């Protein structure tokens, strides 16, 4: 486990302290979890962008053509 020193404004530190207390976790636990969630979101965006860059409209159209005139399942229909 590593140690890191982070400078926080007094107001942010107070809010973190309050949230940690409300969640019954330590400030370290709250910040570690928040950081992990943020990293996950950023990494997911990067992953999706990389996947999209590999995509091909032509391949998509060919795959969709294999479906023919099949109606979508009831759960797959979007009601507007």
Protein backbone atom coordinates (compact mmCIF):
# COMPACT_ATOMS: atom_id res chain seq x y z
CA UNK A 1 0.00 0.00 0.00
CA UNK A 2 1.28 3.47 -0.83
CA UNK A 3 0.89 6.76 0.96
CA UNK A 4 0.02 10.00 -0.80
CA UNK A 5 -0.33 13.49 0.61
CA UNK A 6 -3.13 15.55 -0.90
CA UNK A 7 -3.86 19.19 -0.21
CA UNK A 8 -7.56 19.94 0.14
CA UNK A 9 -9.37 23.17 0.79
CA UNK A 10 -10.80 23.34 4.30
CA UNK A 11 -14.35 23.24 2.94
CA UNK A 12 -13.67 20.15 0.80
CA UNK A 13 -11.93 18.42 3.70
CA UNK A 14 -14.93 19.15 5.94
CA UNK A 15 -17.36 17.72 3.36
CA UNK A 16 -15.21 14.61 2.92
CA UNK A 17 -15.11 14.18 6.68
CA UNK A 18 -18.92 14.49 6.88
CA UNK A 19 -19.52 12.07 4.00
CA UNK A 20 -17.10 9.51 5.39
CA UNK A 21 -18.82 9.69 8.77
CA UNK A 22 -22.27 9.33 7.15
CA UNK A 23 -21.05 6.30 5.17
CA UNK A 24 -19.32 4.78 8.22
CA UNK A 25 -15.97 4.60 6.45
CA UNK A 26 -12.64 6.31 6.90
CA UNK A 27 -11.71 9.35 4.86
CA UNK A 28 -9.02 7.22 3.20
CA UNK A 29 -11.61 4.61 2.23
CA UNK A 30 -13.98 7.24 0.83
CA UNK A 31 -11.27 8.95 -1.22
CA UNK A 32 -9.86 5.61 -2.46
CA UNK A 33 -13.32 4.49 -3.57
CA UNK A 34 -14.07 7.84 -5.23
CA UNK A 35 -10.76 7.73 -7.08
CA UNK A 36 -11.37 4.14 -8.22
CA UNK A 37 -14.85 5.09 -9.50
CA UNK A 38 -13.47 8.09 -11.42
CA UNK A 39 -10.66 6.02 -12.92
CA UNK A 40 -13.15 3.36 -13.97
CA UNK A 41 -15.29 5.95 -15.75
CA UNK A 42 -12.31 7.47 -17.55
CA UNK A 43 -10.90 4.10 -18.54
CA UNK A 44 -14.31 2.99 -19.81
CA UNK A 45 -14.53 6.06 -22.04
CA UNK A 46 -11.05 5.35 -23.40
CA UNK A 47 -11.95 1.69 -23.98
CA UNK A 48 -15.19 2.58 -25.80
CA UNK A 49 -13.41 5.15 -27.96
CA UNK A 50 -10.78 2.56 -28.89
CA UNK A 51 -13.49 0.02 -29.74
CA UNK A 52 -15.40 2.61 -31.78
CA UNK A 53 -12.26 3.44 -33.75
CA UNK A 54 -12.00 -0.23 -34.75
CA UNK A 55 -15.64 -0.33 -35.80
CA UNK A 56 -16.82 -0.41 -39.37
CA UNK A 57 -20.16 0.75 -40.70
CA UNK A 58 -19.80 -1.79 -43.51
CA UNK A 59 -19.38 -4.68 -41.05
CA UNK A 60 -22.36 -3.41 -39.08
CA UNK A 61 -24.53 -3.25 -42.19
CA UNK A 62 -23.49 -6.79 -43.21
CA UNK A 63 -24.35 -8.13 -39.75
CA UNK A 64 -27.72 -6.36 -39.77
CA UNK A 65 -28.49 -7.73 -43.24
CA UNK A 66 -28.24 -11.26 -41.84
CA UNK A 67 -31.25 -10.54 -39.63
CA UNK A 68 -33.61 -10.07 -42.52
CA UNK A 69 -37.06 -8.76 -41.69
CA UNK A 70 -37.18 -10.24 -38.20
CA UNK A 71 -39.25 -8.17 -35.80
CA UNK A 72 -37.52 -7.10 -32.57
CA UNK A 73 -38.46 -8.77 -29.28
CA UNK A 74 -41.03 -6.87 -27.19
CA UNK A 75 -38.34 -5.82 -24.68
CA UNK A 76 -36.20 -4.40 -27.48
CA UNK A 77 -38.76 -1.98 -28.85
CA UNK A 78 -38.30 1.63 -27.78
CA UNK A 79 -41.58 3.46 -27.20
CA UNK A 80 -41.32 7.19 -27.84
